[in-house]
Protein backbone atom coordinates (compact mmCIF):
# COMPACT_ATOMS: atom_id res chain seq x y z
CA MET A 1 -3.82 -207.30 74.29
CA PHE A 2 -2.32 -208.29 70.73
CA ILE A 3 0.94 -209.94 71.08
CA HIS A 4 3.30 -211.61 68.40
CA PHE A 5 6.31 -213.94 69.23
CA ILE A 6 9.07 -213.81 66.81
CA ALA A 7 10.67 -217.45 67.46
CA ILE A 8 7.65 -218.74 69.35
CA GLY A 9 8.81 -222.36 69.01
CA GLY A 10 11.53 -221.92 71.69
CA SER A 11 11.11 -223.88 74.71
CA VAL A 12 10.08 -221.34 77.09
CA MET A 13 8.80 -218.94 74.37
CA HIS A 14 6.02 -221.23 73.42
CA GLN A 15 4.97 -221.92 77.33
CA LEU A 16 4.57 -218.02 77.43
CA ALA A 17 2.50 -217.87 74.66
CA ILE A 18 0.22 -220.32 76.01
CA ALA A 19 0.26 -218.68 79.46
CA LEU A 20 -0.97 -215.11 77.62
CA LYS A 21 -3.50 -217.15 75.73
CA HIS A 22 -5.03 -218.35 78.79
CA LYS A 23 -4.82 -215.00 80.55
CA GLY A 24 -7.12 -213.70 77.48
CA TYR A 25 -4.74 -212.21 75.33
CA SER A 26 -4.68 -212.65 71.47
CA VAL A 27 -1.51 -214.40 70.86
CA THR A 28 0.04 -214.98 67.45
CA GLY A 29 3.46 -216.31 66.25
CA SER A 30 6.20 -217.14 63.59
CA ASP A 31 9.29 -219.62 63.45
CA ASP A 32 11.29 -221.46 60.99
CA GLU A 33 11.32 -224.37 62.78
CA ILE A 34 9.13 -225.85 65.36
CA PHE A 35 9.97 -229.48 67.17
CA GLU A 36 7.92 -231.43 69.54
CA PRO A 37 6.86 -230.81 72.30
CA ALA A 38 6.40 -226.91 71.52
CA LYS A 39 4.60 -228.15 68.21
CA SER A 40 1.97 -230.27 70.13
CA ASN A 41 1.29 -227.55 72.97
CA LEU A 42 0.93 -224.70 70.54
CA ASN A 43 -1.08 -226.78 67.92
CA ASN A 44 -3.63 -228.04 71.17
CA GLU A 45 -3.98 -224.26 71.83
CA ASN A 46 -4.68 -223.31 68.40
CA ILE A 47 -1.88 -220.67 67.95
CA LEU A 48 0.48 -223.11 66.18
CA PRO A 49 1.76 -221.01 62.79
CA GLU A 50 -0.25 -222.12 59.79
CA THR A 51 2.94 -222.16 57.92
CA ILE A 52 6.78 -222.15 59.00
CA GLY A 53 8.78 -219.53 58.17
CA TRP A 54 8.72 -215.31 58.77
CA TYR A 55 6.13 -212.92 57.44
CA SER A 56 6.36 -209.35 57.66
CA GLU A 57 2.91 -208.87 57.20
CA LYS A 58 2.32 -210.30 60.10
CA ILE A 59 3.58 -207.22 61.97
CA THR A 60 0.96 -204.72 62.10
CA LYS A 61 0.37 -201.46 63.84
CA ASN A 62 -2.38 -202.68 66.13
CA LEU A 63 0.03 -205.01 68.28
CA ASP A 64 0.58 -204.03 71.36
CA ALA A 65 3.97 -205.83 71.72
CA VAL A 66 6.34 -208.03 69.89
CA ILE A 67 8.32 -210.66 71.97
CA LEU A 68 11.79 -211.82 70.53
CA GLY A 69 13.02 -215.25 71.21
CA MET A 70 17.06 -215.91 71.21
CA HIS A 71 16.81 -217.83 67.74
CA ALA A 72 15.50 -215.17 66.00
CA LYS A 73 18.38 -213.05 63.90
CA GLU A 74 18.67 -209.60 63.89
CA ASP A 75 17.98 -209.22 60.02
CA ASN A 76 14.87 -210.80 60.79
CA PRO A 77 12.17 -209.41 58.62
CA GLU A 78 9.36 -209.37 61.21
CA LEU A 79 11.89 -207.94 63.80
CA GLN A 80 12.84 -205.07 61.11
CA LYS A 81 9.21 -204.45 60.26
CA ALA A 82 8.34 -203.89 63.83
CA LYS A 83 11.31 -201.34 64.51
CA VAL A 84 9.90 -199.47 61.57
CA LEU A 85 6.56 -199.49 62.97
CA GLY A 86 8.03 -198.08 66.28
CA LEU A 87 6.10 -201.14 68.01
CA LYS A 88 7.33 -202.14 71.61
CA ILE A 89 10.03 -204.98 71.30
CA TYR A 90 10.65 -207.02 74.33
CA SER A 91 12.94 -210.06 75.28
CA PHE A 92 11.44 -213.03 77.05
CA PRO A 93 12.55 -211.44 80.54
CA GLU A 94 11.97 -207.95 79.47
CA TYR A 95 8.29 -208.88 79.17
CA ILE A 96 8.02 -211.08 81.93
CA PHE A 97 9.08 -207.88 83.95
CA GLN A 98 6.20 -206.01 82.36
CA GLU A 99 3.64 -208.85 83.19
CA SER A 100 4.80 -208.89 87.14
CA LYS A 101 5.39 -204.97 87.56
CA ASP A 102 2.85 -204.95 90.72
CA LYS A 103 3.80 -208.54 92.12
CA ILE A 104 6.37 -209.68 94.71
CA ARG A 105 9.03 -210.95 92.40
CA VAL A 106 11.69 -213.77 93.23
CA ALA A 107 14.88 -214.13 91.14
CA VAL A 108 16.95 -217.20 91.56
CA GLY A 109 20.31 -217.09 90.11
CA GLY A 110 23.94 -218.72 89.87
CA SER A 111 25.80 -220.93 87.84
CA HIS A 112 24.28 -223.92 88.98
CA GLY A 113 21.12 -224.77 91.40
CA LYS A 114 18.82 -222.41 89.80
CA THR A 115 16.32 -224.97 88.63
CA SER A 116 16.31 -227.16 91.71
CA THR A 117 15.71 -224.17 94.24
CA THR A 118 13.11 -222.61 92.02
CA ALA A 119 11.32 -225.97 91.73
CA MET A 120 11.55 -226.59 95.62
CA ILE A 121 10.16 -223.06 96.13
CA MET A 122 7.23 -223.56 93.75
CA HIS A 123 6.60 -226.89 95.27
CA VAL A 124 6.20 -225.59 98.92
CA LEU A 125 4.31 -222.78 97.91
CA LYS A 126 1.86 -224.76 95.93
CA ASN A 127 1.19 -227.34 98.57
CA ALA A 128 0.98 -224.17 101.18
CA GLY A 129 -1.85 -222.95 99.13
CA LYS A 130 0.16 -220.00 97.88
CA ASP A 131 -1.01 -217.97 94.83
CA PHE A 132 1.89 -217.50 92.47
CA ASP A 133 3.14 -217.17 88.93
CA TYR A 134 6.09 -218.76 88.00
CA LEU A 135 9.02 -219.35 85.39
CA VAL A 136 10.96 -222.31 85.63
CA GLY A 137 13.68 -224.34 83.28
CA ALA A 138 12.52 -227.58 83.39
CA ARG A 139 9.37 -230.17 83.69
CA LEU A 140 8.39 -230.27 87.36
CA GLN A 141 5.70 -232.59 88.52
CA GLY A 142 2.48 -231.19 89.64
CA PHE A 143 3.07 -228.25 87.18
CA HIS A 144 1.45 -228.65 83.65
CA GLN A 145 3.77 -225.66 82.10
CA SER A 146 7.21 -224.41 82.90
CA VAL A 147 5.85 -220.56 82.58
CA ASN A 148 2.57 -219.33 84.28
CA ILE A 149 1.45 -216.27 83.88
CA THR A 150 -1.88 -214.74 85.66
CA ASN A 151 -2.69 -212.22 88.15
CA ALA A 152 -1.35 -213.91 91.26
CA PRO A 153 0.58 -211.22 93.70
CA ILE A 154 3.85 -213.51 93.44
CA ILE A 155 5.94 -214.66 90.87
CA ILE A 156 9.05 -217.03 91.21
CA CYS A 157 11.59 -216.92 88.56
CA GLU A 158 14.82 -218.80 87.34
CA ALA A 159 16.87 -215.77 86.65
CA ASP A 160 19.47 -216.81 83.89
CA GLU A 161 22.61 -215.04 82.88
CA TYR A 162 22.30 -215.82 79.64
CA PRO A 163 22.02 -212.85 77.14
CA ALA A 164 18.16 -212.03 76.86
CA SER A 165 17.92 -211.75 72.75
CA THR A 166 19.30 -211.21 69.63
CA ILE A 167 19.37 -207.25 70.37
CA GLU A 168 19.69 -207.40 73.78
CA LYS A 169 23.16 -208.76 74.67
CA ARG A 170 22.44 -208.21 78.43
CA PRO A 171 21.85 -211.34 80.73
CA LYS A 172 17.99 -212.22 81.23
CA PHE A 173 18.68 -211.86 84.93
CA HIS A 174 19.20 -208.06 84.62
CA PHE A 175 15.61 -207.27 83.61
CA LEU A 176 13.83 -208.85 86.51
CA PHE A 177 14.36 -206.39 89.39
CA PRO A 178 13.36 -208.77 92.36
CA HIS A 179 12.54 -207.81 95.73
CA VAL A 180 13.92 -211.10 96.74
CA ALA A 181 17.13 -212.59 95.31
CA VAL A 182 19.40 -215.70 95.61
CA ILE A 183 22.97 -216.45 94.32
CA THR A 184 23.18 -220.59 94.77
CA GLY A 185 26.95 -220.46 93.58
CA ILE A 186 29.20 -218.84 90.95
CA ALA A 187 31.42 -220.84 88.43
CA TRP A 188 32.75 -219.82 85.10
CA ASP A 189 30.52 -220.90 82.14
CA HIS A 190 29.47 -219.70 78.71
CA ILE A 191 32.88 -218.90 77.64
CA ASN A 192 31.40 -217.81 74.24
CA VAL A 193 29.38 -215.30 75.71
CA PHE A 194 31.20 -214.23 78.71
CA PRO A 195 35.24 -214.33 77.60
CA THR A 196 36.90 -213.94 80.72
CA PHE A 197 35.91 -215.03 84.52
CA ASP A 198 35.89 -211.53 85.66
CA PHE A 199 33.50 -210.61 82.97
CA TYR A 200 31.37 -213.23 83.97
CA LEU A 201 31.49 -212.15 87.40
CA GLU A 202 30.57 -208.71 86.59
CA GLN A 203 27.23 -209.89 85.70
CA PHE A 204 26.11 -211.13 89.38
CA LYS A 205 27.43 -207.91 90.71
CA ILE A 206 24.86 -205.66 88.24
CA PHE A 207 22.29 -208.65 89.60
CA ILE A 208 22.82 -207.83 93.10
CA ASP A 209 22.53 -203.56 92.19
CA LYS A 210 18.92 -204.68 90.15
CA ILE A 211 17.51 -205.56 93.46
CA GLU A 212 15.04 -203.52 94.82
CA ALA A 213 15.16 -201.05 97.91
CA ASN A 214 14.20 -202.65 100.82
CA GLY A 215 14.62 -206.26 99.24
CA VAL A 216 16.89 -208.72 100.37
CA LEU A 217 19.36 -211.19 98.89
CA ILE A 218 19.96 -214.66 99.91
CA TYR A 219 23.49 -215.99 99.28
CA ASN A 220 25.54 -219.18 99.49
CA GLU A 221 28.40 -217.99 101.85
CA SER A 222 29.90 -221.60 101.51
CA ASP A 223 30.85 -220.48 98.04
CA GLU A 224 34.05 -218.32 98.57
CA ILE A 225 33.37 -216.41 95.51
CA VAL A 226 29.80 -215.48 96.28
CA LYS A 227 30.84 -214.56 99.73
CA LYS A 228 33.88 -212.39 98.53
CA LEU A 229 31.58 -210.98 95.84
CA VAL A 230 28.78 -210.05 98.21
CA ASN A 231 31.60 -208.45 100.79
CA GLU A 232 33.03 -206.44 98.41
CA ASN A 233 29.53 -204.98 97.09
CA LYS A 234 27.52 -204.12 100.34
CA ARG A 235 24.28 -202.17 99.67
CA TYR A 236 22.72 -200.54 102.49
CA ASP A 237 19.37 -200.22 101.19
CA ILE A 238 18.60 -204.25 100.90
CA ARG A 239 19.23 -207.15 103.57
CA TYR A 240 21.45 -209.77 103.37
CA GLU A 241 20.78 -213.59 104.48
CA PRO A 242 23.34 -216.02 104.04
CA TYR A 243 22.70 -219.75 103.68
CA ARG A 244 24.75 -222.64 104.34
CA LEU A 245 24.67 -226.56 104.78
CA PRO A 246 21.75 -227.91 107.11
CA THR A 247 22.12 -230.46 109.79
CA PHE A 248 21.76 -233.45 107.86
CA PHE A 249 21.73 -237.36 108.33
CA ILE A 250 22.08 -239.93 106.02
CA GLU A 251 21.21 -243.87 106.58
CA ASP A 252 20.59 -246.53 104.46
CA GLY A 253 20.60 -244.14 101.26
CA LYS A 254 17.84 -241.60 102.74
CA THR A 255 18.54 -238.21 103.78
CA GLU A 256 16.91 -236.24 106.73
CA VAL A 257 17.25 -232.68 107.35
CA ILE A 258 16.72 -230.40 110.45
CA ILE A 259 16.39 -226.83 109.85
CA GLU A 260 15.57 -224.31 113.17
CA GLY A 261 14.84 -227.61 115.06
CA GLU A 262 12.57 -228.89 112.72
CA LYS A 263 13.38 -232.42 111.68
CA SER A 264 12.06 -233.56 108.09
CA GLU A 265 11.07 -237.07 106.95
CA PRO A 266 13.43 -238.74 104.65
CA LEU A 267 14.00 -236.59 101.42
CA LYS A 268 13.29 -237.82 97.71
CA VAL A 269 16.48 -235.73 96.83
CA PHE A 270 19.90 -236.02 98.26
CA GLY A 271 23.56 -234.35 97.48
CA ASN A 272 24.93 -231.24 99.46
CA HIS A 273 24.29 -229.22 96.53
CA ASN A 274 20.78 -230.23 96.69
CA LEU A 275 20.70 -229.60 100.76
CA LEU A 276 22.21 -226.27 99.99
CA ASN A 277 19.36 -225.49 97.46
CA LEU A 278 16.44 -226.49 100.08
CA HIS A 279 18.17 -224.08 102.54
CA ALA A 280 17.98 -221.28 99.81
CA ALA A 281 14.48 -222.48 99.18
CA TYR A 282 13.12 -222.22 102.45
CA LEU A 283 14.63 -218.81 103.39
CA VAL A 284 12.94 -217.88 100.05
CA CYS A 285 9.80 -219.54 101.49
CA LYS A 286 10.19 -217.81 105.01
CA GLU A 287 10.15 -214.37 103.32
CA LEU A 288 6.90 -215.10 101.67
CA GLY A 289 5.37 -216.25 104.81
CA VAL A 290 5.37 -220.22 104.99
CA GLU A 291 6.11 -221.27 108.62
CA THR A 292 9.22 -223.62 109.13
CA ASP A 293 6.95 -226.37 110.00
CA ILE A 294 5.02 -226.13 106.91
CA PHE A 295 8.39 -226.01 104.66
CA ILE A 296 9.70 -229.40 106.41
CA LYS A 297 6.27 -231.02 105.57
CA THR A 298 6.18 -230.27 102.65
CA ILE A 299 9.78 -230.51 101.23
CA ALA A 300 9.76 -234.19 101.98
CA ASP A 301 7.56 -235.14 98.95
CA PHE A 302 9.86 -233.18 96.46
CA ALA A 303 10.74 -235.64 93.88
CA GLY A 304 13.35 -232.99 92.13
CA ALA A 305 13.30 -231.48 88.34
CA SER A 306 13.43 -233.26 85.35
CA LYS A 307 17.22 -234.42 84.74
CA ARG A 308 18.37 -233.14 88.13
CA LEU A 309 19.78 -236.52 89.30
CA GLU A 310 16.84 -237.56 88.20
CA LEU A 311 16.20 -241.38 89.08
CA LEU A 312 15.67 -243.73 85.95
CA SER A 313 15.82 -247.09 87.17
CA GLU A 314 16.52 -248.46 90.87
CA ASN A 315 16.22 -252.03 92.58
CA ASP A 316 18.12 -253.36 95.63
CA ASP A 317 21.57 -253.78 93.39
CA HIS A 318 22.02 -250.57 91.42
CA ASN A 319 20.48 -247.39 90.43
CA ILE A 320 20.46 -245.19 87.54
CA TYR A 321 20.51 -241.51 87.39
CA ARG A 322 20.48 -238.47 84.72
CA ASP A 323 21.49 -235.38 85.43
CA PHE A 324 21.74 -232.13 83.21
CA ALA A 325 25.16 -231.47 84.53
CA HIS A 326 27.87 -230.13 81.99
CA ALA A 327 29.97 -227.66 83.80
CA PRO A 328 32.37 -228.62 85.84
CA SER A 329 31.12 -227.15 89.29
CA LYS A 330 27.81 -229.36 88.14
CA VAL A 331 29.80 -232.63 87.22
CA LYS A 332 31.38 -232.25 90.59
CA ALA A 333 28.55 -231.54 92.78
CA THR A 334 26.59 -234.44 90.93
CA ILE A 335 29.28 -237.35 91.37
CA ASP A 336 29.87 -236.27 94.58
CA ALA A 337 26.18 -236.23 95.86
CA VAL A 338 25.74 -240.01 94.43
CA LYS A 339 29.08 -241.31 96.30
CA GLN A 340 28.29 -239.74 99.22
CA GLN A 341 24.65 -241.04 99.60
CA PHE A 342 25.97 -244.49 98.14
CA PRO A 343 29.77 -245.05 99.77
CA ASN A 344 29.53 -248.42 99.14
CA ARG A 345 28.48 -248.82 95.65
CA LYS A 346 30.87 -248.54 92.63
CA LEU A 347 30.08 -245.35 90.76
CA ILE A 348 30.13 -245.58 87.19
CA ALA A 349 30.17 -241.99 85.83
CA VAL A 350 29.25 -241.01 82.12
CA LEU A 351 29.85 -237.43 81.24
CA GLU A 352 28.93 -236.00 77.73
CA LEU A 353 30.52 -232.81 76.57
CA HIS A 354 28.12 -231.10 74.42
CA THR A 355 28.01 -227.22 75.06
CA TYR A 356 30.79 -225.00 73.37
CA SER A 357 32.20 -224.07 76.70
CA SER A 358 32.87 -227.99 77.35
CA LEU A 359 34.03 -228.58 73.81
CA ASN A 360 36.53 -226.07 74.23
CA GLU A 361 40.06 -227.36 74.42
CA ASN A 362 41.26 -224.36 76.35
CA PHE A 363 37.90 -224.86 78.87
CA MET A 364 39.41 -228.46 79.43
CA LYS A 365 41.69 -227.17 82.56
CA GLU A 366 38.28 -225.90 84.33
CA TYR A 367 37.64 -229.61 84.63
CA LYS A 368 40.50 -230.70 86.57
CA GLY A 369 39.47 -233.08 89.49
CA ALA A 370 35.87 -232.54 88.69
CA MET A 371 35.22 -236.94 88.02
CA ASN A 372 37.86 -237.81 91.01
CA ASN A 373 35.13 -239.57 93.36
CA ALA A 374 34.11 -241.40 90.46
CA ASP A 375 34.95 -245.44 90.47
CA GLU A 376 35.16 -245.56 86.75
CA ALA A 377 34.38 -242.16 84.61
CA VAL A 378 33.86 -241.83 80.82
CA VAL A 379 33.94 -238.77 79.06
CA PHE A 380 32.23 -238.84 75.53
CA TYR A 381 32.09 -236.24 72.65
CA SER A 382 31.27 -236.52 69.20
CA SER A 383 32.65 -235.01 65.96
CA HIS A 384 28.75 -234.50 64.67
CA ALA A 385 28.54 -231.81 68.11
CA LEU A 386 31.86 -230.16 67.58
CA GLU A 387 30.58 -229.78 63.22
CA LEU A 388 27.21 -228.64 64.39
CA LYS A 389 29.03 -225.68 66.18
CA ARG A 390 31.45 -225.10 64.04
CA MET A 391 34.42 -225.91 66.31
CA PRO A 392 37.84 -227.49 65.38
CA GLY A 393 38.26 -231.04 66.89
CA LEU A 394 38.75 -231.91 70.31
CA PRO A 395 42.31 -234.04 70.86
CA LYS A 396 41.66 -237.34 73.42
CA GLU A 397 44.79 -236.38 75.04
CA LYS A 398 43.94 -232.69 75.73
CA VAL A 399 40.77 -234.47 77.62
CA THR A 400 42.47 -236.67 79.51
CA GLU A 401 45.12 -233.96 80.48
CA GLY A 402 42.32 -231.26 81.61
CA PHE A 403 40.30 -233.94 83.60
CA GLY A 404 43.22 -235.13 85.50
CA LYS A 405 41.77 -238.33 86.31
CA GLU A 406 43.79 -241.67 86.14
CA ASN A 407 42.25 -244.37 84.27
CA LEU A 408 39.85 -241.82 82.57
CA LEU A 409 38.04 -243.26 79.46
CA VAL A 410 37.22 -240.91 76.91
CA ILE A 411 35.07 -242.10 74.15
CA ASN A 412 34.32 -240.11 70.62
CA LYS A 413 32.55 -243.02 69.07
CA LYS A 414 28.99 -243.73 70.15
CA GLU A 415 29.56 -247.10 69.13
CA GLU A 416 32.39 -247.45 71.59
CA LEU A 417 30.26 -245.89 74.00
CA GLU A 418 27.49 -248.14 73.55
CA GLN A 419 29.98 -251.11 74.02
CA PHE A 420 31.30 -250.02 77.31
CA LEU A 421 27.80 -249.70 78.32
CA GLN A 422 27.18 -253.21 77.41
CA ASN A 423 30.26 -254.56 78.91
CA GLN A 424 29.23 -253.17 82.41
CA ASN A 425 28.80 -255.32 85.62
CA TYR A 426 25.83 -253.14 87.31
CA SER A 427 26.07 -255.16 90.50
CA ASN A 428 26.07 -253.06 93.71
CA SER A 429 26.85 -250.05 91.40
CA ASN A 430 25.23 -246.71 90.19
CA LEU A 431 25.16 -245.46 87.10
CA LEU A 432 25.38 -241.63 86.38
CA LEU A 433 24.33 -240.42 83.32
CA MET A 434 25.52 -236.37 82.60
CA SER A 435 24.59 -234.48 79.67
CA SER A 436 22.86 -231.59 78.07
CA GLY A 437 22.88 -233.61 74.63
CA ASN A 438 21.46 -236.91 73.39
CA TYR A 439 24.81 -239.00 73.17
CA ASP A 440 24.71 -238.36 69.39
CA GLY A 441 21.29 -240.19 69.01
CA LEU A 442 22.56 -243.24 71.02
CA PRO A 443 19.32 -244.85 72.14
CA ILE A 444 21.30 -245.25 75.75
CA LEU A 445 18.02 -245.89 78.16
CA THR A 446 16.99 -248.46 75.78
CA ILE A 447 20.51 -250.33 76.04
CA LEU A 448 20.47 -249.93 79.63
CA LYS A 449 16.91 -251.74 80.15
CA THR A 450 17.67 -254.27 78.24
CA LYS A 451 21.49 -254.49 79.94
CA THR A 452 20.36 -254.22 83.66
CA ASN A 453 17.19 -256.25 83.25
CA SER A 454 19.18 -259.50 81.95
């Protein structure tokens, strides 16, 4: 097989390229910019493009497939040449399906919790000795790559609702055709792609329609939107497995869970959202033949995915957590989890608005109440992020009004954020950092290390 990647430097694109090379395929690629760690990863596998840029001469008739990344534009010269030659052009998820037609396909969808649920399933299957392929959107302990394609009989996919490619605008999770599907929750996001909630909701209805006959939908019945969607779109050729918050106990900041009479050791993860994810992962693993006692034993060692309530620092006095949370439902779930786990500690929560949705003035009302459980709450955003996205300014008063939290501190200069962090007393407290960005380049972890160790 001869495969060419247009925009090979993407975070998952380059991982797929490496996986296919390991499978024995001949792999080439192009991009107009490649950053770390993709650059070193590709170089180590000898598939880093010799020169940066697009070169139509790389597209020849002997290619079995061209895989198109989201970064490539419709006028890309390599894409145009592939069309002229009549080559098979796939988006990332379309190609994943081509490689998994003969596998049991598991797709984990939802507005939040996809990565953690997928990671839990992978962790348990690996420790249970199951052979499987996977696609997940974060770095996971115990896995060298975020994409793996072999001849395994099962594939576990984090199923994203974002568009598949520049020429295929439909959501990625419409192309996976799972035998086992999960919907973790639905909360409107990506307003630049899904301008109305009804349009966003329709994508999940289509996802349900794509489940293979005789398959199963595992869904979060405690999410009223999901429950209503499922009840109004019943199919009679698939099974439905609802899940909910399992029985659990918290003692000295540690959580234990009970599923079908089996009690776990203290978990390394916590929070209602993670326990919901755990229950979904259990039902998936059960479908794949994992016994309850094996699941309960192995899930206790699950340390979480990168930037998903990731513990950066801890001592007897305070903890520092980092989370990818940016959408309103994710922000609320993450704050509530830390406060529930440590009710007697002060919670300092710092949220960076960085995505298109979160920087949109009209979207601010969606955050109402999201930070209410934080004892001290900061919302940070930079003019640089607004400029990069070619968005208008975001008035501080609109942010304050949208969040509706008393004493909310809104900061739009990184120097002021640094001063805030330096001035905090971290005794008997937890600090929660929530962002999909980098705080406008502020070396926030270095600042905190110096401050909390002093």
